[in-house]
N, C-alpha and C. Protein backbone atom coordinates (compact mmCIF):
# COMPACT_ATOMS: atom_id res chain seq x y z
N PRO A 1 24.39 -3.87 -1.43
CA PRO A 1 23.27 -4.60 -0.98
C PRO A 1 21.97 -3.76 -1.41
N ASN A 2 20.92 -4.68 -1.81
CA ASN A 2 19.62 -3.83 -2.10
C ASN A 2 18.99 -3.23 -1.03
N GLN A 3 18.70 -2.12 -1.30
CA GLN A 3 17.94 -1.00 -0.36
C GLN A 3 16.46 -0.74 -0.64
N LEU A 4 15.76 -0.65 0.27
CA LEU A 4 14.44 -0.21 0.06
C LEU A 4 14.18 1.07 1.15
N ASN A 5 13.79 2.12 0.49
CA ASN A 5 13.40 3.28 1.29
C ASN A 5 11.87 3.40 1.68
N MET A 6 11.69 3.86 2.96
CA MET A 6 10.30 3.98 3.36
C MET A 6 10.00 5.43 3.51
N ALA A 7 8.77 5.75 3.57
CA ALA A 7 8.46 6.99 3.97
C ALA A 7 6.99 7.00 4.59
N LEU A 8 6.70 8.08 5.39
CA LEU A 8 5.42 8.18 6.11
C LEU A 8 4.49 8.67 4.86
N ASP A 9 3.30 8.23 4.76
CA ASP A 9 2.49 8.74 3.60
C ASP A 9 1.02 8.15 4.20
N LYS A 10 0.09 8.67 3.27
CA LYS A 10 -1.32 8.29 3.54
C LYS A 10 -1.68 6.90 2.67
N GLU A 11 -2.64 6.37 2.91
CA GLU A 11 -3.24 5.19 2.21
C GLU A 11 -3.63 5.82 0.69
N LYS A 12 -3.30 5.26 -0.30
CA LYS A 12 -3.55 5.60 -1.64
C LYS A 12 -4.28 4.48 -2.32
N GLU A 13 -5.21 4.71 -3.30
CA GLU A 13 -6.08 3.74 -3.98
C GLU A 13 -5.29 2.73 -4.45
N GLY A 14 -5.51 1.53 -4.30
CA GLY A 14 -4.88 0.27 -4.90
C GLY A 14 -3.71 -0.35 -3.77
N ASP A 15 -3.42 0.38 -2.75
CA ASP A 15 -2.46 -0.05 -1.89
C ASP A 15 -3.05 -1.25 -0.98
N GLN A 16 -2.13 -2.20 -0.83
CA GLN A 16 -2.51 -3.31 0.10
C GLN A 16 -2.08 -2.66 1.52
N VAL A 17 -2.91 -3.02 2.52
CA VAL A 17 -2.94 -2.50 3.79
C VAL A 17 -2.52 -3.66 4.71
N VAL A 18 -1.44 -3.35 5.69
CA VAL A 18 -1.19 -4.31 6.69
C VAL A 18 -1.72 -3.61 7.92
N GLU A 19 -2.28 -4.45 8.84
CA GLU A 19 -2.93 -3.89 10.02
C GLU A 19 -2.38 -4.81 11.17
N SER A 20 -2.37 -4.22 12.34
CA SER A 20 -1.93 -4.88 13.56
C SER A 20 -2.79 -4.21 14.87
N ASP A 21 -3.41 -5.29 15.52
CA ASP A 21 -4.28 -4.80 16.52
C ASP A 21 -5.48 -3.81 15.93
N GLY A 22 -5.87 -4.11 14.82
CA GLY A 22 -7.01 -3.24 14.05
C GLY A 22 -6.30 -1.95 13.70
N ASP A 23 -5.26 -1.64 13.78
CA ASP A 23 -4.54 -0.25 13.31
C ASP A 23 -3.73 -0.42 11.97
N LYS A 24 -4.21 0.31 11.04
CA LYS A 24 -3.40 0.42 9.74
C LYS A 24 -2.07 0.83 10.05
N VAL A 25 -1.10 0.02 9.70
CA VAL A 25 0.31 0.17 10.00
C VAL A 25 1.24 0.18 8.94
N LEU A 26 0.78 0.02 7.84
CA LEU A 26 1.59 -0.20 6.58
C LEU A 26 0.95 -0.22 5.38
N PHE A 27 1.22 0.71 4.23
CA PHE A 27 0.69 0.61 2.98
C PHE A 27 1.63 0.29 2.07
N VAL A 28 1.37 -0.50 1.08
CA VAL A 28 2.33 -1.22 0.06
C VAL A 28 1.72 -1.00 -1.22
N SER A 29 2.27 -0.05 -2.05
CA SER A 29 1.90 0.12 -3.28
C SER A 29 1.69 -1.42 -4.07
N SER A 30 0.79 -1.29 -5.15
CA SER A 30 0.54 -2.66 -5.86
C SER A 30 1.72 -3.20 -6.64
N GLU A 31 2.63 -1.94 -7.15
CA GLU A 31 3.96 -2.52 -7.66
C GLU A 31 4.91 -3.02 -6.81
N LEU A 32 4.91 -2.56 -5.64
CA LEU A 32 6.03 -2.95 -4.71
C LEU A 32 5.46 -4.25 -4.16
N ALA A 33 4.22 -4.41 -4.01
CA ALA A 33 3.64 -5.65 -3.34
C ALA A 33 3.90 -6.89 -4.42
N GLN A 34 4.09 -6.62 -5.79
CA GLN A 34 4.43 -7.68 -6.45
C GLN A 34 5.97 -8.12 -6.40
N VAL A 35 7.01 -7.19 -6.15
CA VAL A 35 8.31 -7.41 -5.62
C VAL A 35 8.44 -7.93 -4.56
N LEU A 36 7.59 -7.85 -3.48
CA LEU A 36 7.72 -8.44 -2.10
C LEU A 36 6.94 -9.66 -2.06
N ASP A 37 6.22 -10.28 -3.22
CA ASP A 37 5.56 -11.44 -3.08
C ASP A 37 6.56 -12.45 -2.70
N GLY A 38 6.23 -13.24 -1.64
CA GLY A 38 7.01 -14.51 -1.10
C GLY A 38 7.96 -13.78 0.15
N MET A 39 7.77 -12.68 0.33
CA MET A 39 8.78 -12.09 1.45
C MET A 39 7.91 -11.84 2.57
N VAL A 40 8.74 -11.48 3.84
CA VAL A 40 8.10 -11.37 5.15
C VAL A 40 8.79 -10.10 5.41
N ILE A 41 7.94 -9.15 5.95
CA ILE A 41 8.35 -7.71 6.64
C ILE A 41 8.23 -7.96 8.01
N ASP A 42 9.34 -7.68 8.68
CA ASP A 42 9.31 -7.62 10.37
C ASP A 42 9.61 -6.19 10.83
N CYS A 43 9.21 -6.10 11.99
CA CYS A 43 9.37 -4.85 12.57
C CYS A 43 9.80 -5.07 13.96
N GLN A 44 10.82 -4.38 14.50
CA GLN A 44 11.46 -4.57 15.93
C GLN A 44 11.69 -3.25 16.37
N GLU A 45 11.50 -3.05 17.77
CA GLU A 45 11.81 -1.87 18.46
C GLU A 45 13.21 -2.13 19.02
N THR A 46 14.14 -1.15 18.70
CA THR A 46 15.54 -1.12 19.15
C THR A 46 15.98 0.09 19.82
N PRO A 47 17.02 -0.19 20.60
CA PRO A 47 17.41 1.31 21.30
C PRO A 47 17.71 2.27 20.28
N GLU A 48 18.02 1.91 18.92
CA GLU A 48 18.13 3.05 18.04
C GLU A 48 16.82 3.50 17.21
N GLY A 49 15.73 2.67 17.57
CA GLY A 49 14.50 3.07 17.09
C GLY A 49 13.79 1.81 16.27
N VAL A 50 12.76 2.07 15.55
CA VAL A 50 12.18 0.95 15.08
C VAL A 50 13.00 0.60 13.80
N GLN A 51 13.06 -0.68 13.50
CA GLN A 51 13.88 -1.33 12.56
C GLN A 51 13.09 -2.20 11.64
N PHE A 52 13.15 -2.28 10.32
CA PHE A 52 12.45 -3.15 9.52
C PHE A 52 13.26 -4.09 8.68
N SER A 53 12.90 -5.32 8.64
CA SER A 53 13.75 -6.27 7.96
C SER A 53 12.86 -7.05 6.93
N ILE A 54 13.49 -7.31 5.73
CA ILE A 54 12.59 -8.14 4.86
C ILE A 54 13.39 -9.39 4.43
N SER A 55 12.86 -10.46 4.52
CA SER A 55 13.48 -11.88 4.35
C SER A 55 12.52 -12.68 3.33
N LYS A 56 13.19 -13.55 2.95
CA LYS A 56 12.33 -14.62 1.93
C LYS A 56 11.41 -15.59 2.89
N LEU A 57 10.23 -15.81 2.48
CA LEU A 57 9.45 -16.68 3.34
C LEU A 57 10.11 -18.08 3.06
N ALA A 58 10.06 -18.69 4.36
CA ALA A 58 10.87 -20.09 4.37
C ALA A 58 9.78 -21.00 3.56
N PRO A 59 10.37 -22.06 2.91
CA PRO A 59 9.41 -22.74 1.93
C PRO A 59 8.94 -23.84 3.09
N ASP A 60 7.65 -24.21 2.63
CA ASP A 60 6.98 -25.41 3.33
C ASP A 60 7.78 -26.68 3.29
N THR A 61 7.93 -27.40 4.52
CA THR A 61 8.70 -28.42 4.54
C THR A 61 7.88 -29.74 4.63
């Protein structure tokens, strides 16, 4: 399966910024943003820690 690695980093010029409750929680490079176009990134707290999932955006019906 396809895998995506994530790392802690600081915001860089050109990054797209995702905010939650006014806090910056995710920085996405412009190159990766193009790959993720039409996708949904979700985050859940689990007993094993925080887990992210990426799925295709459901088409409008």
